[in-house]
Amino acid sequence: MALRIVATRPNPALVTLPWDTPLEQWGDDVVIQLPRGISRHVVRIVRLGVDVYAVKETRERYAFGEYRLLRDLRRLGLPAVEPVGVVDGRIGRDGDEIEPCLVTRHLHFSLPYRSLFSHGLPSENLPLLVDALVVLLVRLHLAGFYWGDVSLSNVLFRRSAGEFTAYLVDAETGELHNVLSRGQRDYDIDVAVTNIFGELLDLQAGSLLDASVDAHAIAELVRTRYEALWAELTETEEFGTQEIWRIEQRIERLNDLGFDIDELDIVTDWDGATVRVQPKVVEAGHHARELQGLTGLHVEDNQARRLLNDLATYTAHFDLGGEDRAVVAHRWMTEIYEPITAMIPAELRSRLEPAEMFHEVLEHRWYLSERAGRSVPLFQAAASYVQDVLARRPDEALATGPGPDDEDAAGADGAVADDPVTR
C-alpha cells in the first residue's frame, strides 16, 4: 500500500517525516519537547520549518472520523484544534502495517492542565479552569456536538485576561447532531464530573495540587455552573408588557457572559398582557468581535473585554466620548497598546501572548500604584513588569517565528513611544 496523505493546505515537508517507523520510536531529530496532555494513544509533537504539529497514532476509522469532525467544528466557529490531515498506508521497514496518524496544528500559547499546575498555578484558580471547560461544553452542546469523553485531559487551555479559554483537542468519541437530547447532555456532564474528579486526585497524588482541595466539590462545579449557563442561554423568560425593558436586560446579561443573540423568539399572549422571550440563536465571542471590529486585534473574549475597558478609560481620560469610536480606538492602539506590547524583548515573546501581557501590565500597575499610594504611569509600570515579572515567567509557547499577533505587538518602526498619559 502506498503512503497516502489526506490534508487541507498540507505542508509539503510532511512527507519527509519517518512514517515507516512507529510513532513511539521517533527520535529527537524529529520530535520537540513541548507539554502534552495524557492520551490513550501515542502522541508526538514535531516541527516542520516554522510549523508545529501534534501527531497521534490511531485506527483508520478513528483518524478519518476525528479529522472530519474537527473540520466541521472549525467551520462552526467552535474552539477546537485545527486538523491538518491523516497519514494512511504506513508500512514499516519490516513490511508490517502501522496505524494511521491524525495530524493537527499545535495551538500556540496553550497548555494542558497538568502543565499549568507544574508551572505553579494556585489551587484557587481551579474554578477558572472548570468555568472554561463549562463554557466550551455549553458551546459544543448548543451546536449539537455530543462529546462522550469530557475531561481536562482532552482540552488545552489558553490564558485570557486572568482567566482561561478551553479548546477541544480530542474529538475521537464525538458525534455531531442537529440537536442534543437532555439525556446526551446529562451523560456528558456525568462523564465530566467523574473524569475531573479522577484527574484532580491524580494531581494530588503527584503533589501538583494541595491535598486539602476537595476534588469532589470542584468536580461537581461542572454540573452547577453548566446548568446555570445553559439556563441563561436557552430558558424562556415570561413577564408583563409593562416590563418590556427586561428584553434588553436579558441581552445585556448574555453580552456580559460573552455571548451575542442573533435571534430572539418573542411571543405575546392572546390579550397582549404578557411576553415570553427565548433566545433562539446565541453566539460566543461578543467582546472579541467588538474589539476586532475596532482595532483588528484577534484575541480571546476575556482579553478583549479587558482591552475594551482600557479603551473606555482612555476615552474618558481624554474626554473623547464625542469622537468616532473607531478613530479613538486607532489612537489608543498607536499611543497605548502597540508601544506597550513592543516593550517585550524578542527573547521573552514566548512567555505570553501580547494581549495577555497587556492585561498583566494593567494588573501590575494597579499593584504598584497601591503600594506607592499614587498613580504610577503606565509605561513605567510596563517597564517594571517586563523586568520583574515577565522575565521570571516560564515559556508557554514554542517560538515558531512571527505569530499572528506579532505585527500588532509593535508600531511600524518597532519603537516604544514616551508615556503619553498617566491615567
Protein backbone atom coordinates (compact mmCIF):
# COMPACT_ATOMS: atom_id res chain seq x y z
CA MET A 1 0.00 0.00 0.00
CA ALA A 2 1.36 3.42 -0.95
CA LEU A 3 1.63 6.18 1.65
CA ARG A 4 -1.39 8.47 1.39
CA ILE A 5 -1.81 11.89 2.98
CA VAL A 6 -5.28 13.43 3.06
CA ALA A 7 -4.85 17.04 4.13
CA THR A 8 -6.07 20.62 3.88
CA ARG A 9 -3.33 23.03 2.78
CA PRO A 10 -0.65 20.45 3.64
CA ASN A 11 2.92 21.33 4.42
CA PRO A 12 4.95 19.52 1.73
CA ALA A 13 7.53 18.65 4.38
CA LEU A 14 5.02 16.24 5.95
CA VAL A 15 6.18 13.59 3.51
CA THR A 16 9.72 13.80 4.95
CA LEU A 17 8.69 12.50 8.38
CA PRO A 18 9.64 8.88 9.18
CA TRP A 19 6.20 7.38 8.56
CA ASP A 20 7.75 3.92 8.15
CA THR A 21 8.61 3.97 11.87
CA PRO A 22 6.07 3.61 14.73
CA LEU A 23 5.45 6.94 16.42
CA GLU A 24 6.83 5.82 19.77
CA GLN A 25 10.22 5.25 18.10
CA TRP A 26 10.54 8.75 16.62
CA GLY A 27 13.68 10.39 17.95
CA ASP A 28 14.81 13.85 18.97
CA ASP A 29 15.78 14.61 15.39
CA VAL A 30 12.05 14.81 14.67
CA VAL A 31 10.25 15.29 17.99
CA ILE A 32 10.38 18.50 20.01
CA GLN A 33 9.73 18.62 23.72
CA LEU A 34 6.51 20.51 24.33
CA PRO A 35 3.97 19.87 27.10
CA ARG A 36 1.24 17.48 26.04
CA GLY A 37 -1.68 16.01 27.87
CA ILE A 38 -2.39 12.45 28.89
CA SER A 39 -3.63 10.38 25.96
CA ARG A 40 -4.68 6.77 25.39
CA HIS A 41 -2.74 6.99 22.11
CA VAL A 42 0.89 7.65 21.26
CA VAL A 43 1.24 11.39 20.53
CA ARG A 44 4.33 13.28 19.38
CA ILE A 45 4.93 17.00 18.74
CA VAL A 46 7.01 17.77 15.64
CA ARG A 47 8.31 20.92 13.98
CA LEU A 48 8.50 21.40 10.22
CA GLY A 49 10.10 24.75 9.48
CA VAL A 50 8.06 27.34 11.37
CA ASP A 51 5.06 25.00 11.72
CA VAL A 52 4.48 22.81 14.76
CA TYR A 53 2.14 19.81 14.67
CA ALA A 54 0.72 17.21 17.02
CA VAL A 55 0.75 13.70 15.52
CA LYS A 56 -1.49 10.99 17.01
CA GLU A 57 -1.36 7.33 16.06
CA THR A 58 -4.79 5.68 15.98
CA ARG A 59 -7.02 3.34 13.99
CA GLU A 60 -8.02 4.30 10.46
CA ARG A 61 -11.73 4.89 11.09
CA TYR A 62 -11.00 6.97 14.18
CA ALA A 63 -8.35 9.04 12.40
CA PHE A 64 -10.57 9.93 9.45
CA GLY A 65 -13.67 10.34 11.65
CA GLU A 66 -11.93 12.75 14.02
CA TYR A 67 -10.33 14.65 11.13
CA ARG A 68 -13.71 15.30 9.51
CA LEU A 69 -15.38 16.10 12.83
CA LEU A 70 -12.71 18.64 13.78
CA ARG A 71 -13.13 20.26 10.35
CA ASP A 72 -16.89 20.52 10.98
CA LEU A 73 -16.34 22.05 14.40
CA ARG A 74 -13.93 24.61 12.97
CA ARG A 75 -16.42 25.52 10.24
CA LEU A 76 -18.97 26.14 13.00
CA GLY A 77 -16.54 28.55 14.66
CA LEU A 78 -16.08 26.39 17.75
CA PRO A 79 -12.84 26.37 19.78
CA ALA A 80 -11.07 23.22 18.61
CA VAL A 81 -7.61 22.45 17.34
CA GLU A 82 -7.08 22.75 13.60
CA PRO A 83 -6.99 19.41 11.75
CA VAL A 84 -4.23 19.25 9.16
CA GLY A 85 -4.57 15.76 7.73
CA VAL A 86 -4.48 11.99 8.03
CA VAL A 87 -1.48 9.90 7.03
CA ASP A 88 -2.51 6.41 5.93
CA GLY A 89 -0.89 3.46 4.17
CA ARG A 90 2.09 3.33 6.53
CA ILE A 91 4.31 0.29 6.09
CA GLY A 92 7.17 -0.44 8.46
CA ARG A 93 10.66 -1.38 7.37
CA ASP A 94 9.81 -4.96 8.30
CA GLY A 95 6.83 -4.88 5.93
CA ASP A 96 4.17 -4.74 8.66
CA GLU A 97 1.35 -2.22 8.53
CA ILE A 98 1.48 0.70 11.00
CA GLU A 99 -1.60 2.51 12.25
CA PRO A 100 -2.52 5.79 10.51
CA CYS A 101 -1.84 9.17 12.12
CA LEU A 102 -4.04 12.20 12.66
CA VAL A 103 -2.09 15.46 12.31
CA THR A 104 -3.32 18.67 13.97
CA ARG A 105 -1.73 22.09 14.23
CA HIS A 106 -0.18 22.94 17.59
CA LEU A 107 -2.24 25.57 19.38
CA HIS A 108 0.08 28.49 20.07
CA PHE A 109 0.37 29.61 23.73
CA SER A 110 -1.71 26.71 25.00
CA LEU A 111 -1.01 24.25 27.81
CA PRO A 112 -2.54 21.02 29.10
CA TYR A 113 -3.92 21.25 32.62
CA ARG A 114 -1.05 19.31 34.20
CA SER A 115 1.48 21.76 32.80
CA LEU A 116 -0.45 24.68 34.25
CA PHE A 117 -0.08 23.17 37.70
CA SER A 118 3.55 22.26 37.02
CA HIS A 119 4.07 25.97 36.28
CA GLY A 120 2.69 26.84 39.70
CA LEU A 121 -0.99 27.54 39.04
CA PRO A 122 -2.51 28.03 42.52
CA SER A 123 -5.37 25.75 43.55
CA GLU A 124 -7.58 28.84 43.96
CA ASN A 125 -7.67 29.05 40.17
CA LEU A 126 -9.26 25.63 39.74
CA PRO A 127 -12.77 27.11 39.39
CA LEU A 128 -11.45 29.18 36.47
CA LEU A 129 -10.43 26.01 34.64
CA VAL A 130 -13.83 24.50 35.39
CA ASP A 131 -15.57 27.62 34.06
CA ALA A 132 -13.52 27.48 30.85
CA LEU A 133 -14.43 23.81 30.36
CA VAL A 134 -18.11 24.55 31.08
CA VAL A 135 -18.22 27.37 28.50
CA LEU A 136 -16.63 25.04 25.94
CA LEU A 137 -19.09 22.25 26.76
CA VAL A 138 -22.12 24.54 26.54
CA ARG A 139 -20.96 25.96 23.22
CA LEU A 140 -20.44 22.46 21.83
CA HIS A 141 -23.85 21.31 23.08
CA LEU A 142 -25.60 24.33 21.58
CA ALA A 143 -24.05 23.37 18.24
CA GLY A 144 -25.28 19.77 18.58
CA PHE A 145 -21.91 18.20 19.45
CA TYR A 146 -22.04 15.19 21.78
CA TRP A 147 -18.56 14.77 23.23
CA GLY A 148 -18.69 11.41 25.00
CA ASP A 149 -15.37 11.85 26.84
CA VAL A 150 -15.34 15.24 28.59
CA SER A 151 -12.22 15.74 30.69
CA LEU A 152 -9.45 18.20 31.48
CA SER A 153 -7.08 15.89 29.57
CA ASN A 154 -9.00 16.36 26.32
CA VAL A 155 -8.67 20.14 26.20
CA LEU A 156 -5.90 22.72 26.00
CA PHE A 157 -6.08 25.96 27.96
CA ARG A 158 -5.03 29.43 26.84
CA ARG A 159 -4.74 32.31 29.28
CA SER A 160 -7.37 35.02 28.81
CA ALA A 161 -7.01 38.16 30.97
CA GLY A 162 -6.50 36.27 34.21
CA GLU A 163 -8.97 33.56 33.21
CA PHE A 164 -8.77 30.73 30.69
CA THR A 165 -10.26 29.64 27.37
CA ALA A 166 -10.58 25.91 26.69
CA TYR A 167 -10.04 24.29 23.27
CA LEU A 168 -11.15 20.80 22.30
CA VAL A 169 -8.21 18.61 21.26
CA ASP A 170 -9.72 15.10 21.26
CA ALA A 171 -12.98 14.51 19.38
CA GLU A 172 -12.50 10.78 18.79
CA THR A 173 -15.68 9.82 20.69
CA GLY A 174 -17.72 12.81 19.49
CA GLU A 175 -20.82 12.97 17.34
CA LEU A 176 -22.43 15.94 15.62
CA HIS A 177 -26.25 16.11 15.67
CA ASN A 178 -28.81 18.74 14.77
CA VAL A 179 -29.95 18.94 18.42
CA LEU A 180 -28.85 17.06 21.53
CA SER A 181 -31.31 15.37 23.84
CA ARG A 182 -31.34 16.10 27.55
CA GLY A 183 -30.01 12.57 28.11
CA GLN A 184 -26.99 13.18 25.85
CA ARG A 185 -26.19 16.40 27.62
CA ASP A 186 -26.60 14.82 31.05
CA TYR A 187 -24.30 11.96 30.07
CA ASP A 188 -21.57 14.39 29.02
CA ILE A 189 -21.92 16.20 32.35
CA ASP A 190 -21.75 12.95 34.34
CA VAL A 191 -18.64 11.87 32.42
CA ALA A 192 -17.06 15.29 33.02
CA VAL A 193 -17.66 15.12 36.78
CA THR A 194 -16.26 11.59 37.01
CA ASN A 195 -13.19 12.28 34.87
CA ILE A 196 -12.32 15.59 36.52
CA PHE A 197 -12.63 14.04 39.98
CA GLY A 198 -10.10 11.38 38.97
CA GLU A 199 -7.79 13.92 37.32
CA LEU A 200 -7.72 16.10 40.43
CA LEU A 201 -6.93 13.08 42.62
CA ASP A 202 -4.11 12.27 40.22
CA LEU A 203 -2.74 15.81 40.60
CA GLN A 204 -2.87 15.44 44.36
CA ALA A 205 -1.10 12.09 44.20
CA GLY A 206 1.66 13.75 42.17
CA SER A 207 1.93 16.66 44.65
CA LEU A 208 0.89 19.13 41.95
CA LEU A 209 -2.30 20.08 43.81
CA ASP A 210 -2.74 20.81 47.51
CA ALA A 211 -4.11 17.78 49.34
CA SER A 212 -6.63 19.99 51.15
CA VAL A 213 -8.53 20.71 47.90
CA ASP A 214 -11.94 19.00 47.87
CA ALA A 215 -11.68 17.24 44.50
CA HIS A 216 -15.30 16.08 44.58
CA ALA A 217 -16.65 19.60 45.26
CA ILE A 218 -14.55 21.06 42.42
CA ALA A 219 -15.73 18.37 40.00
CA GLU A 220 -19.37 18.97 40.95
CA LEU A 221 -18.92 22.65 40.00
CA VAL A 222 -19.13 21.44 36.40
CA ARG A 223 -22.75 20.41 36.92
CA THR A 224 -23.92 23.51 38.79
CA ARG A 225 -22.17 26.00 36.51
CA TYR A 226 -23.22 24.19 33.36
CA GLU A 227 -26.89 24.26 34.44
CA ALA A 228 -26.67 27.97 35.29
CA LEU A 229 -25.08 28.94 31.96
CA TRP A 230 -27.36 26.68 29.91
CA ALA A 231 -30.43 28.19 31.57
CA GLU A 232 -29.25 31.75 30.94
CA LEU A 233 -28.64 30.98 27.27
CA THR A 234 -31.75 28.93 26.50
CA GLU A 235 -34.57 29.31 29.04
CA THR A 236 -37.82 31.09 28.28
CA GLU A 237 -38.48 34.20 30.36
CA GLU A 238 -42.04 35.48 30.89
CA PHE A 239 -43.05 38.94 32.11
CA GLY A 240 -45.72 41.59 31.72
CA THR A 241 -45.73 44.06 28.85
CA GLN A 242 -45.06 46.86 31.34
CA GLU A 243 -41.62 45.22 31.92
CA ILE A 244 -40.59 45.18 28.28
CA TRP A 245 -37.23 46.62 29.34
CA ARG A 246 -36.36 43.12 30.57
CA ILE A 247 -35.71 42.06 26.97
CA GLU A 248 -32.79 44.48 26.79
CA GLN A 249 -31.70 43.36 30.25
CA ARG A 250 -31.58 39.72 29.08
CA ILE A 251 -29.48 40.73 26.07
CA GLU A 252 -27.09 42.69 28.30
CA ARG A 253 -26.68 39.72 30.66
CA LEU A 254 -25.78 37.48 27.75
CA ASN A 255 -23.35 40.08 26.39
CA ASP A 256 -21.69 40.23 29.82
CA LEU A 257 -21.24 36.45 29.60
CA GLY A 258 -19.55 36.94 26.22
CA PHE A 259 -22.48 35.85 24.01
CA ASP A 260 -24.39 37.64 21.27
CA ILE A 261 -28.02 36.93 20.42
CA ASP A 262 -28.57 36.51 16.71
CA GLU A 263 -32.26 35.67 17.05
CA LEU A 264 -34.94 36.05 19.74
CA ASP A 265 -38.30 34.31 19.85
CA ILE A 266 -40.76 36.86 21.35
CA VAL A 267 -44.37 35.77 21.85
CA THR A 268 -47.24 37.69 23.47
CA ASP A 269 -50.39 36.03 24.85
CA TRP A 270 -53.84 36.50 23.30
CA ASP A 271 -54.60 39.78 25.13
CA GLY A 272 -51.05 41.16 24.95
CA ALA A 273 -50.66 41.23 28.74
CA THR A 274 -47.59 39.01 28.98
CA VAL A 275 -44.50 38.45 26.86
CA ARG A 276 -42.41 35.28 26.56
CA VAL A 277 -38.82 35.64 25.37
CA GLN A 278 -36.43 32.84 24.45
CA PRO A 279 -33.01 33.18 22.80
CA LYS A 280 -33.06 31.08 19.64
CA VAL A 281 -29.54 31.61 18.29
CA VAL A 282 -26.63 32.61 20.53
CA GLU A 283 -23.01 33.02 19.51
CA ALA A 284 -19.96 33.32 21.74
CA GLY A 285 -17.24 35.93 21.27
CA HIS A 286 -19.21 39.17 21.79
CA HIS A 287 -16.26 41.20 23.11
CA ALA A 288 -13.74 39.64 20.73
CA ARG A 289 -15.82 40.62 17.71
CA GLU A 290 -16.33 44.15 19.04
CA LEU A 291 -12.60 44.65 19.62
CA GLN A 292 -11.67 43.13 16.27
CA GLY A 293 -14.09 45.45 14.51
CA LEU A 294 -12.50 48.46 16.20
CA THR A 295 -8.82 47.52 16.14
CA GLY A 296 -8.28 44.43 14.02
CA LEU A 297 -6.88 42.56 17.05
CA HIS A 298 -7.89 38.90 17.25
CA VAL A 299 -7.77 37.84 20.92
CA GLU A 300 -9.68 35.69 23.41
CA ASP A 301 -13.00 37.10 24.63
CA ASN A 302 -11.91 37.89 28.20
CA GLN A 303 -8.79 39.61 26.87
CA ALA A 304 -11.00 41.63 24.53
CA ARG A 305 -13.22 42.65 27.44
CA ARG A 306 -10.18 43.91 29.36
CA LEU A 307 -8.80 45.80 26.37
CA LEU A 308 -12.20 47.38 25.70
CA ASN A 309 -12.32 48.52 29.33
CA ASP A 310 -8.91 50.16 28.94
CA LEU A 311 -10.07 51.79 25.71
CA ALA A 312 -13.07 53.18 27.63
CA THR A 313 -10.73 54.52 30.33
CA TYR A 314 -8.55 56.14 27.67
CA THR A 315 -11.64 57.68 26.04
CA ALA A 316 -12.81 59.15 29.36
CA HIS A 317 -9.33 60.41 30.32
CA PHE A 318 -9.01 62.48 27.13
CA ASP A 319 -12.73 63.37 27.01
CA LEU A 320 -13.09 61.72 23.60
CA GLY A 321 -16.64 60.49 24.09
CA GLY A 322 -17.88 62.69 21.27
CA GLU A 323 -15.35 61.33 18.76
CA ASP A 324 -15.94 58.46 16.35
CA ARG A 325 -15.19 55.30 18.32
CA ALA A 326 -13.08 53.77 15.55
CA VAL A 327 -10.90 56.91 15.46
CA VAL A 328 -10.43 56.79 19.24
CA ALA A 329 -9.60 53.09 19.04
CA HIS A 330 -6.92 53.84 16.45
CA ARG A 331 -5.39 56.48 18.75
CA TRP A 332 -5.44 54.03 21.67
CA MET A 333 -3.75 51.38 19.53
CA THR A 334 -0.94 53.67 18.34
CA GLU A 335 -0.41 55.53 21.63
CA ILE A 336 -1.00 52.78 24.19
CA TYR A 337 -1.38 49.16 23.08
CA GLU A 338 1.27 48.92 20.37
CA PRO A 339 4.02 50.78 22.28
CA ILE A 340 3.35 48.73 25.43
CA THR A 341 3.44 45.36 23.68
CA ALA A 342 6.51 46.47 21.70
CA MET A 343 8.36 46.69 25.02
CA ILE A 344 8.53 42.89 25.17
CA PRO A 345 12.10 41.86 24.31
CA ALA A 346 12.33 39.32 21.49
CA GLU A 347 13.68 36.67 23.85
CA LEU A 348 10.61 36.96 26.10
CA ARG A 349 7.88 36.85 23.46
CA SER A 350 7.28 33.15 24.00
CA ARG A 351 6.26 33.80 27.62
CA LEU A 352 2.79 35.23 26.95
CA GLU A 353 0.60 36.48 24.11
CA PRO A 354 0.78 40.29 23.66
CA ALA A 355 -2.85 40.79 24.76
CA GLU A 356 -2.30 38.71 27.91
CA MET A 357 0.89 40.61 28.67
CA PHE A 358 -1.01 43.91 28.30
CA HIS A 359 -3.62 42.67 30.77
CA GLU A 360 -0.89 41.72 33.25
CA VAL A 361 0.76 45.14 32.84
CA LEU A 362 -2.54 46.74 33.90
CA GLU A 363 -2.72 44.39 36.89
CA HIS A 364 0.91 45.15 37.77
CA ARG A 365 0.26 48.88 37.50
CA TRP A 366 -2.61 48.60 39.96
CA TYR A 367 -0.34 46.73 42.39
CA LEU A 368 2.47 49.31 42.06
CA SER A 369 0.05 52.22 42.48
CA GLU A 370 -1.48 50.69 45.61
CA ARG A 371 1.97 50.10 47.09
CA ALA A 372 3.16 53.63 46.21
CA GLY A 373 -0.04 55.37 47.27
CA ARG A 374 -0.20 57.21 43.95
CA SER A 375 -0.96 56.56 40.30
CA VAL A 376 2.07 55.01 38.61
CA PRO A 377 2.49 55.98 34.92
CA LEU A 378 1.53 53.16 32.58
CA PHE A 379 4.83 52.90 30.73
CA GLN A 380 6.78 52.94 33.99
CA ALA A 381 4.63 50.05 35.19
CA ALA A 382 5.22 48.21 31.90
CA ALA A 383 9.00 48.51 32.24
CA SER A 384 8.77 47.22 35.81
CA TYR A 385 6.57 44.33 34.70
CA VAL A 386 8.94 43.23 31.92
CA GLN A 387 11.93 43.30 34.25
CA ASP A 388 10.43 41.97 37.47
CA VAL A 389 7.57 39.69 36.37
CA LEU A 390 7.74 38.63 32.73
CA ALA A 391 11.43 37.72 32.86
CA ARG A 392 10.67 35.21 35.63
CA ARG A 393 7.75 33.51 33.89
CA PRO A 394 8.20 30.14 32.17
CA ASP A 395 7.78 29.89 28.42
CA GLU A 396 4.23 28.97 27.41
CA ALA A 397 4.79 28.77 23.67
CA LEU A 398 7.39 27.50 21.29
CA ALA A 399 8.97 30.35 19.35
CA THR A 400 7.98 29.35 15.84
CA GLY A 401 8.66 32.57 14.02
CA PRO A 402 6.29 35.51 13.73
CA GLY A 403 2.88 34.75 15.16
CA PRO A 404 -0.46 36.25 14.14
CA ASP A 405 -0.18 39.00 16.74
CA ASP A 406 3.46 39.96 16.22
CA GLU A 407 2.62 42.71 13.77
CA ASP A 408 0.06 44.09 16.19
CA ALA A 409 2.52 43.98 19.06
CA ALA A 410 4.70 46.81 17.78
CA GLY A 411 4.46 50.03 15.87
CA ALA A 412 5.56 50.31 12.26
CA ASP A 413 9.12 51.14 13.30
CA GLY A 414 9.12 48.96 16.42
CA ALA A 415 9.92 51.97 18.60
CA VAL A 416 8.49 52.49 22.07
CA ALA A 417 6.84 55.86 22.45
CA ASP A 418 7.15 58.04 25.52
CA ASP A 419 4.29 57.65 28.01
CA PRO A 420 1.57 59.98 26.66
CA VAL A 421 -0.75 59.52 29.62
CA THR A 422 -0.51 58.81 33.33
CA ARG A 423 -4.10 57.76 33.80
